[in-house]
Amino acid sequence: MTEPDTTPDTAPADDPGDSLDLPQNLDQARKLRSENKTLRERLKAAEADIETTTGQLAAMRHAEVERLASEHLIDPTDLWSGNTPDAAAFLDENGAIDPGKVTEAAQALTAAKPHLGAEKPVTTPPTQRPIESLRVAASYNDKPTTPTWSDAIRTRTGR
């Protein structure tokens, strides 16, 4: 018994996907080299731009997470001392910072270490008695008047 031939058929030599336009003379070779050099330089510049932009995005995400954590923590940098070394843990499926995840992490940290939590702002309750803020013997319609000479004479004479 002989085994069937399982080698794949080779592509025909006329396949346009495999053809290379090789330079036919020295001028075409120089032109191709110049184009390749330009493309390599553009690629390096684009990679540098991407690296810079990625760094800026990471810094902005870091700052936004700290801003959101500052509502719950005295020092928002304490958030990084836990199990979350970078802002990627606080991203949603679209790549944006999820405030809920930041709040959960900050609350978990303050539950474990209450001394790290920010103090809640204390506000005075609104009063139900608006008269408390008025001066003694003052009425709503009293308007200050400027003294005149006749007021001074009446006061002096007692009239």
Foldseek 3Di string as FASTA:
>chain_A
DDDDDPDDDDDDPPDPVPDDDDDPDDVVVVVVVVVVVVVVVVVVVVVVVVVVVVVVVQVVLQVVLLVLLVQWFVGSVVLCVPPNVGSVVQADPVRHGDSVVSVVSSVVVCVVPVVGTDDDDDDDDDDPDPCVPDDPPDDPPDDDDDDDPVNVVCVVVVD
